[in-house]
Amino acid sequence: MGEKLNISPGELRASAHAADTITKDLGRPLSKALEDIAAAADSLRHWSVGPQLKATGEGWGSALGKLRGRVGEHADGLRMVAAGHDVNEENVLNRFKGW
Protein backbone atom coordinates (compact mmCIF):
# COMPACT_ATOMS: atom_id res chain seq x y z
CA MET A 1 0.00 0.00 0.00
CA GLY A 2 2.89 2.37 0.72
CA GLU A 3 3.97 2.53 -2.90
CA LYS A 4 0.54 3.85 -3.81
CA LEU A 5 1.05 6.81 -1.46
CA ASN A 6 4.41 7.86 -2.87
CA ILE A 7 3.66 11.28 -4.33
CA SER A 8 6.51 13.67 -5.01
CA PRO A 9 6.43 17.28 -3.81
CA GLY A 10 6.59 18.32 -7.46
CA GLU A 11 3.41 16.39 -8.21
CA LEU A 12 1.72 17.98 -5.20
CA ARG A 13 2.73 21.44 -6.38
CA ALA A 14 1.54 20.68 -9.92
CA SER A 15 -1.81 19.57 -8.52
CA ALA A 16 -2.02 22.75 -6.44
CA HIS A 17 -1.33 24.79 -9.55
CA ALA A 18 -4.05 22.92 -11.44
CA ALA A 19 -6.50 23.61 -8.60
CA ASP A 20 -5.54 27.31 -8.67
CA THR A 21 -6.15 27.38 -12.41
CA ILE A 22 -9.57 25.78 -11.99
CA THR A 23 -10.46 28.29 -9.27
CA LYS A 24 -9.39 31.20 -11.47
CA ASP A 25 -10.96 29.85 -14.66
CA LEU A 26 -14.33 29.23 -13.00
CA GLY A 27 -14.66 32.80 -11.72
CA ARG A 28 -15.91 34.61 -14.80
CA PRO A 29 -18.11 31.83 -16.26
CA LEU A 30 -19.83 31.32 -12.90
CA SER A 31 -20.40 35.05 -12.49
CA LYS A 32 -21.81 35.30 -16.01
CA ALA A 33 -24.12 32.34 -15.52
CA LEU A 34 -25.43 33.75 -12.25
CA GLU A 35 -25.93 37.19 -13.82
CA ASP A 36 -27.86 35.60 -16.69
CA ILE A 37 -30.06 33.58 -14.30
CA ALA A 38 -30.76 36.70 -12.24
CA ALA A 39 -31.66 38.65 -15.38
CA ALA A 40 -33.95 35.86 -16.59
CA ALA A 41 -35.59 35.64 -13.16
CA ASP A 42 -36.12 39.39 -13.12
CA SER A 43 -37.69 39.38 -16.58
CA LEU A 44 -40.04 36.59 -15.44
CA ARG A 45 -40.78 38.08 -12.02
CA HIS A 46 -44.49 38.43 -12.77
CA TRP A 47 -44.79 34.76 -13.68
CA SER A 48 -44.80 32.04 -11.05
CA VAL A 49 -41.56 30.65 -12.44
CA GLY A 50 -39.69 33.94 -11.83
CA PRO A 51 -39.25 33.66 -8.05
CA GLN A 52 -38.48 29.96 -8.40
CA LEU A 53 -35.79 30.69 -10.96
CA LYS A 54 -34.35 33.39 -8.72
CA ALA A 55 -34.21 31.04 -5.72
CA THR A 56 -32.63 28.29 -7.81
CA GLY A 57 -30.01 30.66 -9.18
CA GLU A 58 -29.16 31.95 -5.72
CA GLY A 59 -28.91 28.41 -4.35
CA TRP A 60 -26.62 27.28 -7.14
CA GLY A 61 -24.61 30.48 -6.84
CA SER A 62 -23.98 29.86 -3.17
CA ALA A 63 -23.11 26.19 -3.68
CA LEU A 64 -20.79 26.83 -6.62
CA GLY A 65 -19.11 29.72 -4.82
CA LYS A 66 -18.39 27.44 -1.86
CA LEU A 67 -17.10 24.73 -4.17
CA ARG A 68 -14.79 27.21 -5.87
CA GLY A 69 -13.50 28.35 -2.50
CA ARG A 70 -12.88 24.80 -1.35
CA VAL A 71 -10.85 24.02 -4.48
CA GLY A 72 -8.66 27.00 -3.61
CA GLU A 73 -8.30 25.76 -0.02
CA HIS A 74 -7.23 22.35 -1.30
CA ALA A 75 -4.58 24.00 -3.48
CA ASP A 76 -3.18 25.66 -0.36
CA GLY A 77 -3.24 22.32 1.47
CA LEU A 78 -1.38 20.58 -1.32
CA ARG A 79 1.34 23.23 -1.17
CA MET A 80 1.58 22.80 2.61
CA VAL A 81 2.03 19.04 2.24
CA ALA A 82 4.73 19.59 -0.42
CA ALA A 83 6.54 22.02 1.88
CA GLY A 84 6.33 19.46 4.69
CA HIS A 85 7.97 16.88 2.43
CA ASP A 86 10.77 19.34 1.69
CA VAL A 87 11.36 19.98 5.40
CA ASN A 88 11.39 16.25 6.17
CA GLU A 89 13.84 15.56 3.35
CA GLU A 90 16.13 18.32 4.60
CA ASN A 91 15.96 16.99 8.17
CA VAL A 92 16.81 13.45 7.06
CA LEU A 93 19.67 14.73 4.89
CA ASN A 94 21.11 16.78 7.75
CA ARG A 95 20.73 13.94 10.27
CA PHE A 96 22.59 11.41 8.13
CA LYS A 97 25.16 13.75 6.61
CA GLY A 98 28.64 12.36 7.13
CA TRP A 99 27.69 8.77 7.88
PDB file of N, CA and C in Angstrom:
ATOM      1  N   MET A   1       0.816  -1.190   0.000  1.00  0.00           N
ATOM      2  CA  MET A   1       0.000   0.000   0.000  1.00  0.00           C
ATOM      3  C   MET A   1       0.858   1.252   0.000  1.00  0.00           C
ATOM      4  N   GLY A   2       2.024   1.206   0.624  1.00  0.00           N
ATOM      5  CA  GLY A   2       2.892   2.369   0.716  1.00  0.00           C
ATOM      6  C   GLY A   2       3.297   2.925  -0.633  1.00  0.00           C
ATOM      7  N   GLU A   3       3.561   2.048  -1.577  1.00  0.00           N
ATOM      8  CA  GLU A   3       3.973   2.528  -2.901  1.00  0.00           C
ATOM      9  C   GLU A   3       2.880   3.331  -3.595  1.00  0.00           C
ATOM     10  N   LYS A   4       1.639   3.109  -3.223  1.00  0.00           N
ATOM     11  CA  LYS A   4       0.536   3.854  -3.814  1.00  0.00           C
ATOM     12  C   LYS A   4       0.461   5.272  -3.259  1.00  0.00           C
ATOM     13  N   LEU A   5       1.105   5.507  -2.115  1.00  0.00           N
ATOM     14  CA  LEU A   5       1.053   6.806  -1.463  1.00  0.00           C
ATOM     15  C   LEU A   5       2.293   7.645  -1.727  1.00  0.00           C
ATOM     16  N   ASN A   6       3.172   7.170  -2.574  1.00  0.00           N
ATOM     17  CA  ASN A   6       4.413   7.864  -2.869  1.00  0.00           C
ATOM     18  C   ASN A   6       4.168   8.950  -3.916  1.00  0.00           C
ATOM     19  N   ILE A   7       3.926  10.154  -3.441  1.00  0.00           N
ATOM     20  CA  ILE A   7       3.659  11.280  -4.329  1.00  0.00           C
ATOM     21  C   ILE A   7       4.743  12.320  -4.093  1.00  0.00           C
ATOM     22  N   SER A   8       5.396  12.729  -5.150  1.00  0.00           N
ATOM     23  CA  SER A   8       6.505  13.672  -5.008  1.00  0.00           C
ATOM     24  C   SER A   8       5.985  15.082  -4.707  1.00  0.00           C
ATOM     25  N   PRO A   9       6.816  15.892  -4.054  1.00  0.00           N
ATOM     26  CA  PRO A   9       6.427  17.281  -3.814  1.00  0.00           C
ATOM     27  C   PRO A   9       6.131  18.036  -5.119  1.00  0.00           C
ATOM     28  N   GLY A  10       6.842  17.676  -6.164  1.00  0.00           N
ATOM     29  CA  GLY A  10       6.591  18.318  -7.460  1.00  0.00           C
ATOM     30  C   GLY A  10       5.190  18.021  -7.985  1.00  0.00           C
ATOM     31  N   GLU A  11       4.769  16.755  -7.798  1.00  0.00           N
ATOM     32  CA  GLU A  11       3.408  16.393  -8.212  1.00  0.00           C
ATOM     33  C   GLU A  11       2.362  17.109  -7.363  1.00  0.00           C
ATOM     34  N   LEU A  12       2.645  17.258  -6.075  1.00  0.00           N
ATOM     35  CA  LEU A  12       1.723  17.982  -5.200  1.00  0.00           C
ATOM     36  C   LEU A  12       1.608  19.441  -5.618  1.00  0.00           C
ATOM     37  N   ARG A  13       2.746  20.044  -5.941  1.00  0.00           N
ATOM     38  CA  ARG A  13       2.726  21.439  -6.377  1.00  0.00           C
ATOM     39  C   ARG A  13       2.023  21.595  -7.729  1.00  0.00           C
ATOM     40  N   ALA A  14       2.232  20.637  -8.616  1.00  0.00           N
ATOM     41  CA  ALA A  14       1.542  20.684  -9.917  1.00  0.00           C
ATOM     42  C   ALA A  14       0.035  20.553  -9.721  1.00  0.00           C
ATOM     43  N   SER A  15      -0.379  19.706  -8.809  1.00  0.00           N
ATOM     44  CA  SER A  15      -1.812  19.568  -8.519  1.00  0.00           C
ATOM     45  C   SER A  15      -2.367  20.845  -7.907  1.00  0.00           C
ATOM     46  N   ALA A  16      -1.595  21.475  -7.030  1.00  0.00           N
ATOM     47  CA  ALA A  16      -2.015  22.745  -6.438  1.00  0.00           C
ATOM     48  C   ALA A  16      -2.174  23.810  -7.520  1.00  0.00           C
ATOM     49  N   HIS A  17      -1.237  23.835  -8.449  1.00  0.00           N
ATOM     50  CA  HIS A  17      -1.327  24.794  -9.552  1.00  0.00           C
ATOM     51  C   HIS A  17      -2.567  24.530 -10.405  1.00  0.00           C
ATOM     52  N   ALA A  18      -2.850  23.262 -10.663  1.00  0.00           N
ATOM     53  CA  ALA A  18      -4.053  22.918 -11.439  1.00  0.00           C
ATOM     54  C   ALA A  18      -5.308  23.368 -10.703  1.00  0.00           C
ATOM     55  N   ALA A  19      -5.345  23.169  -9.387  1.00  0.00           N
ATOM     56  CA  ALA A  19      -6.500  23.611  -8.600  1.00  0.00           C
ATOM     57  C   ALA A  19      -6.633  25.129  -8.633  1.00  0.00           C
ATOM     58  N   ASP A  20      -5.505  25.839  -8.555  1.00  0.00           N
ATOM     59  CA  ASP A  20      -5.536  27.307  -8.666  1.00  0.00           C
ATOM     60  C   ASP A  20      -6.098  27.745 -10.014  1.00  0.00           C
ATOM     61  N   THR A  21      -5.678  27.048 -11.058  1.00  0.00           N
ATOM     62  CA  THR A  21      -6.150  27.375 -12.408  1.00  0.00           C
ATOM     63  C   THR A  21      -7.651  27.151 -12.519  1.00  0.00           C
ATOM     64  N   ILE A  22      -8.129  26.056 -11.970  1.00  0.00           N
ATOM     65  CA  ILE A  22      -9.571  25.782 -11.987  1.00  0.00           C
ATOM     66  C   ILE A  22     -10.324  26.877 -11.244  1.00  0.00           C
ATOM     67  N   THR A  23      -9.818  27.243 -10.070  1.00  0.00           N
ATOM     68  CA  THR A  23     -10.458  28.287  -9.271  1.00  0.00           C
ATOM     69  C   THR A  23     -10.538  29.592 -10.059  1.00  0.00           C
ATOM     70  N   LYS A  24      -9.436  29.952 -10.690  1.00  0.00           N
ATOM     71  CA  LYS A  24      -9.394  31.198 -11.474  1.00  0.00           C
ATOM     72  C   LYS A  24     -10.301  31.099 -12.702  1.00  0.00           C
ATOM     73  N   ASP A  25     -10.196  30.000 -13.424  1.00  0.00           N
ATOM     74  CA  ASP A  25     -10.960  29.846 -14.662  1.00  0.00           C
ATOM     75  C   ASP A  25     -12.465  29.797 -14.430  1.00  0.00           C
ATOM     76  N   LEU A  26     -12.891  29.323 -13.277  1.00  0.00           N
ATOM     77  CA  LEU A  26     -14.329  29.235 -12.995  1.00  0.00           C
ATOM     78  C   LEU A  26     -14.949  30.585 -12.643  1.00  0.00           C
ATOM     79  N   GLY A  27     -14.136  31.523 -12.205  1.00  0.00           N
ATOM     80  CA  GLY A  27     -14.665  32.796 -11.718  1.00  0.00           C
ATOM     81  C   GLY A  27     -15.587  33.502 -12.682  1.00  0.00           C
ATOM     82  N   ARG A  28     -15.113  33.845 -13.841  1.00  0.00           N
ATOM     83  CA  ARG A  28     -15.912  34.612 -14.796  1.00  0.00           C
ATOM     84  C   ARG A  28     -17.104  33.826 -15.342  1.00  0.00           C
ATOM     85  N   PRO A  29     -16.939  32.564 -15.768  1.00  0.00           N
ATOM     86  CA  PRO A  29     -18.114  31.828 -16.256  1.00  0.00           C
ATOM     87  C   PRO A  29     -19.211  31.676 -15.199  1.00  0.00           C
ATOM     88  N   LEU A  30     -18.820  31.440 -13.947  1.00  0.00           N
ATOM     89  CA  LEU A  30     -19.834  31.324 -12.901  1.00  0.00           C
ATOM     90  C   LEU A  30     -20.547  32.651 -12.686  1.00  0.00           C
ATOM     91  N   SER A  31     -19.785  33.727 -12.647  1.00  0.00           N
ATOM     92  CA  SER A  31     -20.405  35.053 -12.488  1.00  0.00           C
ATOM     93  C   SER A  31     -21.367  35.343 -13.616  1.00  0.00           C
ATOM     94  N   LYS A  32     -20.962  35.049 -14.830  1.00  0.00           N
ATOM     95  CA  LYS A  32     -21.808  35.300 -16.007  1.00  0.00           C
ATOM     96  C   LYS A  32     -23.080  34.467 -15.945  1.00  0.00           C
ATOM     97  N   ALA A  33     -22.945  33.207 -15.607  1.00  0.00           N
ATOM     98  CA  ALA A  33     -24.124  32.340 -15.518  1.00  0.00           C
ATOM     99  C   ALA A  33     -25.094  32.855 -14.458  1.00  0.00           C
ATOM    100  N   LEU A  34     -24.564  33.261 -13.313  1.00  0.00           N
ATOM    101  CA  LEU A  34     -25.434  33.755 -12.247  1.00  0.00           C
ATOM    102  C   LEU A  34     -26.080  35.090 -12.622  1.00  0.00           C
ATOM    103  N   GLU A  35     -25.351  35.939 -13.326  1.00  0.00           N
ATOM    104  CA  GLU A  35     -25.928  37.192 -13.816  1.00  0.00           C
ATOM    105  C   GLU A  35     -27.062  36.908 -14.809  1.00  0.00           C
ATOM    106  N   ASP A  36     -26.839  35.954 -15.695  1.00  0.00           N
ATOM    107  CA  ASP A  36     -27.864  35.595 -16.689  1.00  0.00           C
ATOM    108  C   ASP A  36     -29.107  35.009 -16.024  1.00  0.00           C
ATOM    109  N   ILE A  37     -28.906  34.161 -15.019  1.00  0.00           N
ATOM    110  CA  ILE A  37     -30.055  33.582 -14.302  1.00  0.00           C
ATOM    111  C   ILE A  37     -30.827  34.678 -13.581  1.00  0.00           C
ATOM    112  N   ALA A  38     -30.100  35.596 -12.951  1.00  0.00           N
ATOM    113  CA  ALA A  38     -30.760  36.701 -12.239  1.00  0.00           C
ATOM    114  C   ALA A  38     -31.541  37.578 -13.207  1.00  0.00           C
ATOM    115  N   ALA A  39     -30.963  37.839 -14.379  1.00  0.00           N
ATOM    116  CA  ALA A  39     -31.655  38.647 -15.380  1.00  0.00           C
ATOM    117  C   ALA A  39     -32.906  37.936 -15.888  1.00  0.00           C
ATOM    118  N   ALA A  40     -32.784  36.630 -16.129  1.00  0.00           N
ATOM    119  CA  ALA A  40     -33.948  35.864 -16.585  1.00  0.00           C
ATOM    120  C   ALA A  40     -35.031  35.841 -15.513  1.00  0.00           C
ATOM    121  N   ALA A  41     -34.626  35.655 -14.267  1.00  0.00           N
ATOM    122  CA  ALA A  41     -35.594  35.636 -13.163  1.00  0.00           C
ATOM    123  C   ALA A  41     -36.284  36.979 -13.038  1.00  0.00           C
ATOM    124  N   ASP A  42     -35.527  38.059 -13.205  1.00  0.00           N
ATOM    125  CA  ASP A  42     -36.121  39.392 -13.121  1.00  0.00           C
ATOM    126  C   ASP A  42     -37.115  39.623 -14.251  1.00  0.00           C
ATOM    127  N   SER A  43     -36.776  39.172 -15.442  1.00  0.00           N
ATOM    128  CA  SER A  43     -37.690  39.380 -16.575  1.00  0.00           C
ATOM    129  C   SER A  43     -38.962  38.532 -16.442  1.00  0.00           C
ATOM    130  N   LEU A  44     -38.884  37.469 -15.653  1.00  0.00           N
ATOM    131  CA  LEU A  44     -40.045  36.593 -15.443  1.00  0.00           C
ATOM    132  C   LEU A  44     -40.670  36.779 -14.051  1.00  0.00           C
ATOM    133  N   ARG A  45     -40.344  37.884 -13.400  1.00  0.00           N
ATOM    134  CA  ARG A  45     -40.781  38.081 -12.020  1.00  0.00           C
ATOM    135  C   ARG A  45     -42.290  38.066 -11.841  1.00  0.00           C
ATOM    136  N   HIS A  46     -43.039  38.408 -12.876  1.00  0.00           N
ATOM    137  CA  HIS A  46     -44.494  38.427 -12.774  1.00  0.00           C
ATOM    138  C   HIS A  46     -45.115  37.059 -13.048  1.00  0.00           C
ATOM    139  N   TRP A  47     -44.336  36.128 -13.451  1.00  0.00           N
ATOM    140  CA  TRP A  47     -44.785  34.756 -13.677  1.00  0.00           C
ATOM    141  C   TRP A  47     -44.409  33.940 -12.443  1.00  0.00           C
ATOM    142  N   SER A  48     -45.096  32.861 -12.226  1.00  0.00           N
ATOM    143  CA  SER A  48     -44.801  32.035 -11.048  1.00  0.00           C
ATOM    144  C   SER A  48     -43.401  31.427 -11.101  1.00  0.00           C
ATOM    145  N   VAL A  49     -42.878  31.250 -12.288  1.00  0.00           N
ATOM    146  CA  VAL A  49     -41.555  30.650 -12.436  1.00  0.00           C
ATOM    147  C   VAL A  49     -40.439  31.639 -12.073  1.00  0.00           C
ATOM    148  N   GLY A  50     -40.712  32.928 -12.109  1.00  0.00           N
ATOM    149  CA  GLY A  50     -39.687  33.942 -11.830  1.00  0.00           C
ATOM    150  C   GLY A  50     -39.050  33.799 -10.461  1.00  0.00           C
ATOM    151  N   PRO A  51     -39.850  33.821  -9.380  1.00  0.00           N
ATOM    152  CA  PRO A  51     -39.255  33.658  -8.053  1.00  0.00           C
ATOM    153  C   PRO A  51     -38.565  32.301  -7.865  1.00  0.00           C
ATOM    154  N   GLN A  52     -39.110  31.270  -8.489  1.00  0.00           N
ATOM    155  CA  GLN A  52     -38.484  29.961  -8.396  1.00  0.00           C
ATOM    156  C   GLN A  52     -37.116  29.961  -9.087  1.00  0.00           C
ATOM    157  N   LEU A  53     -37.054  30.600 -10.231  1.00  0.00           N
ATOM    158  CA  LEU A  53     -35.794  30.694 -10.963  1.00  0.00           C
ATOM    159  C   LEU A  53     -34.773  31.498 -10.152  1.00  0.00           C
ATOM    160  N   LYS A  54     -35.247  32.574  -9.545  1.00  0.00           N
ATOM    161  CA  LYS A  54     -34.355  33.392  -8.722  1.00  0.00           C
ATOM    162  C   LYS A  54     -33.802  32.574  -7.555  1.00  0.00           C
ATOM    163  N   ALA A  55     -34.651  31.853  -6.858  1.00  0.00           N
ATOM    164  CA  ALA A  55     -34.210  31.037  -5.719  1.00  0.00           C
ATOM    165  C   ALA A  55     -33.234  29.950  -6.161  1.00  0.00           C
ATOM    166  N   THR A  56     -33.521  29.328  -7.291  1.00  0.00           N
ATOM    167  CA  THR A  56     -32.633  28.287  -7.806  1.00  0.00           C
ATOM    168  C   THR A  56     -31.266  28.873  -8.143  1.00  0.00           C
ATOM    169  N   GLY A  57     -31.270  30.006  -8.822  1.00  0.00           N
ATOM    170  CA  GLY A  57     -30.006  30.660  -9.176  1.00  0.00           C
ATOM    171  C   GLY A  57     -29.196  31.042  -7.956  1.00  0.00           C
ATOM    172  N   GLU A  58     -29.864  31.568  -6.943  1.00  0.00           N
ATOM    173  CA  GLU A  58     -29.160  31.949  -5.721  1.00  0.00           C
ATOM    174  C   GLU A  58     -28.610  30.717  -4.999  1.00  0.00           C
ATOM    175  N   GLY A  59     -29.384  29.650  -4.990  1.00  0.00           N
ATOM    176  CA  GLY A  59     -28.910  28.410  -4.351  1.00  0.00           C
ATOM    177  C   GLY A  59     -27.692  27.843  -5.046  1.00  0.00           C
ATOM    178  N   TRP A  60     -27.764  27.778  -6.379  1.00  0.00           N
ATOM    179  CA  TRP A  60     -26.620  27.278  -7.140  1.00  0.00           C
ATOM    180  C   TRP A  60     -25.437  28.219  -7.007  1.00  0.00           C
ATOM    181  N   GLY A  61     -25.701  29.508  -6.985  1.00  0.00           N
ATOM    182  CA  GLY A  61     -24.613  30.477  -6.839  1.00  0.00           C
ATOM    183  C   GLY A  61     -23.862  30.278  -5.536  1.00  0.00           C
ATOM    184  N   SER A  62     -24.604  30.091  -4.468  1.00  0.00           N
ATOM    185  CA  SER A  62     -23.984  29.856  -3.171  1.00  0.00           C
ATOM    186  C   SER A  62     -23.182  28.552  -3.171  1.00  0.00           C
ATOM    187  N   ALA A  63     -23.777  27.494  -3.670  1.00  0.00           N
ATOM    188  CA  ALA A  63     -23.110  26.187  -3.683  1.00  0.00           C
ATOM    189  C   ALA A  63     -21.852  26.207  -4.553  1.00  0.00           C
ATOM    190  N   LEU A  64     -21.945  26.805  -5.726  1.00  0.00           N
ATOM    191  CA  LEU A  64     -20.790  26.833  -6.624  1.00  0.00           C
ATOM    192  C   LEU A  64     -19.701  27.757  -6.098  1.00  0.00           C
ATOM    193  N   GLY A  65     -20.088  28.830  -5.442  1.00  0.00           N
ATOM    194  CA  GLY A  65     -19.106  29.715  -4.818  1.00  0.00           C
ATOM    195  C   GLY A  65     -18.340  28.997  -3.716  1.00  0.00           C
ATOM    196  N   LYS A  66     -19.046  28.215  -2.906  1.00  0.00           N
ATOM    197  CA  LYS A  66     -18.394  27.439  -1.855  1.00  0.00           C
ATOM    198  C   LYS A  66     -17.468  26.391  -2.452  1.00  0.00           C
ATOM    199  N   LEU A  67     -17.928  25.740  -3.509  1.00  0.00           N
ATOM    200  CA  LEU A  67     -17.098  24.733  -4.170  1.00  0.00           C
ATOM    201  C   LEU A  67     -15.811  25.363  -4.697  1.00  0.00           C
ATOM    202  N   ARG A  68     -15.948  26.505  -5.335  1.00  0.00           N
ATOM    203  CA  ARG A  68     -14.785  27.210  -5.874  1.00  0.00           C
ATOM    204  C   ARG A  68     -13.814  27.573  -4.748  1.00  0.00           C
ATOM    205  N   GLY A  69     -14.338  28.025  -3.635  1.00  0.00           N
ATOM    206  CA  GLY A  69     -13.497  28.350  -2.496  1.00  0.00           C
ATOM    207  C   GLY A  69     -12.779  27.140  -1.934  1.00  0.00           C
ATOM    208  N   ARG A  70     -13.478  26.025  -1.871  1.00  0.00           N
ATOM    209  CA  ARG A  70     -12.880  24.796  -1.353  1.00  0.00           C
ATOM    210  C   ARG A  70     -11.752  24.288  -2.255  1.00  0.00           C
ATOM    211  N   VAL A  71     -11.921  24.429  -3.564  1.00  0.00           N
ATOM    212  CA  VAL A  71     -10.848  24.016  -4.477  1.00  0.00           C
ATOM    213  C   VAL A  71      -9.595  24.840  -4.187  1.00  0.00           C
ATOM    214  N   GLY A  72      -9.785  26.143  -3.962  1.00  0.00           N
ATOM    215  CA  GLY A  72      -8.655  27.000  -3.612  1.00  0.00           C
ATOM    216  C   GLY A  72      -8.010  26.592  -2.292  1.00  0.00           C
ATOM    217  N   GLU A  73      -8.823  26.223  -1.307  1.00  0.00           N
ATOM    218  CA  GLU A  73      -8.297  25.760  -0.023  1.00  0.00           C
ATOM    219  C   GLU A  73      -7.491  24.475  -0.192  1.00  0.00           C
ATOM    220  N   HIS A  74      -7.959  23.596  -1.053  1.00  0.00           N
ATOM    221  CA  HIS A  74      -7.227  22.351  -1.300  1.00  0.00           C
ATOM    222  C   HIS A  74      -5.893  22.636  -1.978  1.00  0.00           C
ATOM    223  N   ALA A  75      -5.850  23.624  -2.848  1.00  0.00           N
ATOM    224  CA  ALA A  75      -4.583  24.005  -3.475  1.00  0.00           C
ATOM    225  C   ALA A  75      -3.586  24.432  -2.398  1.00  0.00           C
ATOM    226  N   ASP A  76      -4.053  25.234  -1.453  1.00  0.00           N
ATOM    227  CA  ASP A  76      -3.181  25.663  -0.358  1.00  0.00           C
ATOM    228  C   ASP A  76      -2.708  24.462   0.460  1.00  0.00           C
ATOM    229  N   GLY A  77      -3.607  23.525   0.725  1.00  0.00           N
ATOM    230  CA  GLY A  77      -3.244  22.321   1.471  1.00  0.00           C
ATOM    231  C   GLY A  77      -2.209  21.475   0.753  1.00  0.00           C
ATOM    232  N   LEU A  78      -2.363  21.343  -0.550  1.00  0.00           N
ATOM    233  CA  LEU A  78      -1.378  20.576  -1.323  1.00  0.00           C
ATOM    234  C   LEU A  78       0.001  21.223  -1.245  1.00  0.00           C
ATOM    235  N   ARG A  79       0.057  22.544  -1.295  1.00  0.00           N
ATOM    236  CA  ARG A  79       1.343  23.233  -1.170  1.00  0.00           C
ATOM    237  C   ARG A  79       1.942  23.027   0.228  1.00  0.00           C
ATOM    238  N   MET A  80       1.090  23.031   1.241  1.00  0.00           N
ATOM    239  CA  MET A  80       1.576  22.801   2.607  1.00  0.00           C
ATOM    240  C   MET A  80       2.166  21.402   2.743  1.00  0.00           C
ATOM    241  N   VAL A  81       1.514  20.406   2.167  1.00  0.00           N
ATOM    242  CA  VAL A  81       2.033  19.038   2.237  1.00  0.00           C
ATOM    243  C   VAL A  81       3.369  18.947   1.499  1.00  0.00           C
ATOM    244  N   ALA A  82       3.468  19.593   0.336  1.00  0.00           N
ATOM    245  CA  ALA A  82       4.726  19.586  -0.418  1.00  0.00           C
ATOM    246  C   ALA A  82       5.837  20.239   0.393  1.00  0.00           C
ATOM    247  N   ALA A  83       5.535  21.348   1.046  1.00  0.00           N
ATOM    248  CA  ALA A  83       6.541  22.019   1.875  1.00  0.00           C
ATOM    249  C   ALA A  83       6.959  21.122   3.037  1.00  0.00           C
ATOM    250  N   GLY A  84       6.010  20.399   3.609  1.00  0.00           N
ATOM    251  CA  GLY A  84       6.331  19.461   4.685  1.00  0.00           C
ATOM    252  C   GLY A  84       7.270  18.366   4.222  1.00  0.00           C
ATOM    253  N   HIS A  85       7.061  17.880   3.000  1.00  0.00           N
ATOM    254  CA  HIS A  85       7.973  16.876   2.433  1.00  0.00           C
ATOM    255  C   HIS A  85       9.378  17.451   2.320  1.00  0.00           C
ATOM    256  N   ASP A  86       9.457  18.697   1.849  1.00  0.00           N
ATOM    257  CA  ASP A  86      10.768  19.340   1.688  1.00  0.00           C
ATOM    258  C   ASP A  86      11.489  19.451   3.029  1.00  0.00           C
ATOM    259  N   VAL A  87      10.764  19.855   4.072  1.00  0.00           N
ATOM    260  CA  VAL A  87      11.357  19.984   5.403  1.00  0.00           C
ATOM    261  C   VAL A  87      11.828  18.619   5.904  1.00  0.00           C
ATOM    262  N   ASN A  88      11.002  17.595   5.731  1.00  0.00           N
ATOM    263  CA  ASN A  88      11.395  16.247   6.169  1.00  0.00           C
ATOM    264  C   ASN A  88      12.632  15.760   5.426  1.00  0.00           C
ATOM    265  N   GLU A  89      12.679  15.980   4.140  1.00  0.00           N
ATOM    266  CA  GLU A  89      13.840  15.559   3.347  1.00  0.00           C
ATOM    267  C   GLU A  89      15.104  16.268   3.830  1.00  0.00           C
ATOM    268  N   GLU A  90      14.984  17.545   4.112  1.00  0.00           N
ATOM    269  CA  GLU A  90      16.130  18.319   4.598  1.00  0.00           C
ATOM    270  C   GLU A  90      16.576  17.812   5.972  1.00  0.00           C
ATOM    271  N   ASN A  91      15.623  17.519   6.838  1.00  0.00           N
ATOM    272  CA  ASN A  91      15.956  16.992   8.171  1.00  0.00           C
ATOM    273  C   ASN A  91      16.665  15.648   8.084  1.00  0.00           C
ATOM    274  N   VAL A  92      16.175  14.754   7.228  1.00  0.00           N
ATOM    275  CA  VAL A  92      16.815  13.446   7.060  1.00  0.00           C
ATOM    276  C   VAL A  92      18.215  13.627   6.483  1.00  0.00           C
ATOM    277  N   LEU A  93      18.365  14.477   5.503  1.00  0.00           N
ATOM    278  CA  LEU A  93      19.673  14.735   4.889  1.00  0.00           C
ATOM    279  C   LEU A  93      20.651  15.255   5.936  1.00  0.00           C
ATOM    280  N   ASN A  94      20.232  16.210   6.723  1.00  0.00           N
ATOM    281  CA  ASN A  94      21.113  16.779   7.749  1.00  0.00           C
ATOM    282  C   ASN A  94      21.461  15.764   8.839  1.00  0.00           C
ATOM    283  N   ARG A  95      20.514  14.930   9.199  1.00  0.00           N
ATOM    284  CA  ARG A  95      20.725  13.942  10.267  1.00  0.00           C
ATOM    285  C   ARG A  95      21.750  12.887   9.840  1.00  0.00           C
ATOM    286  N   PHE A  96      21.707  12.491   8.573  1.00  0.00           N
ATOM    287  CA  PHE A  96      22.585  11.405   8.131  1.00  0.00           C
ATOM    288  C   PHE A  96      23.818  11.893   7.362  1.00  0.00           C
ATOM    289  N   LYS A  97      23.998  13.197   7.308  1.00  0.00           N
ATOM    290  CA  LYS A  97      25.163  13.750   6.608  1.00  0.00           C
ATOM    291  C   LYS A  97      26.435  13.276   7.310  1.00  0.00           C
ATOM    292  N   GLY A  98      27.367  12.779   6.559  1.00  0.00           N
ATOM    293  CA  GLY A  98      28.639  12.359   7.125  1.00  0.00           C
ATOM    294  C   GLY A  98      28.698  10.921   7.601  1.00  0.00           C
ATOM    295  N   TRP A  99      27.659  10.174   7.448  1.00  0.00           N
ATOM    296  CA  TRP A  99      27.688   8.775   7.882  1.00  0.00           C
ATOM    297  C   TRP A  99      28.567   7.983   6.968  1.00  0.00           C
TER     298      TRP A  99
END
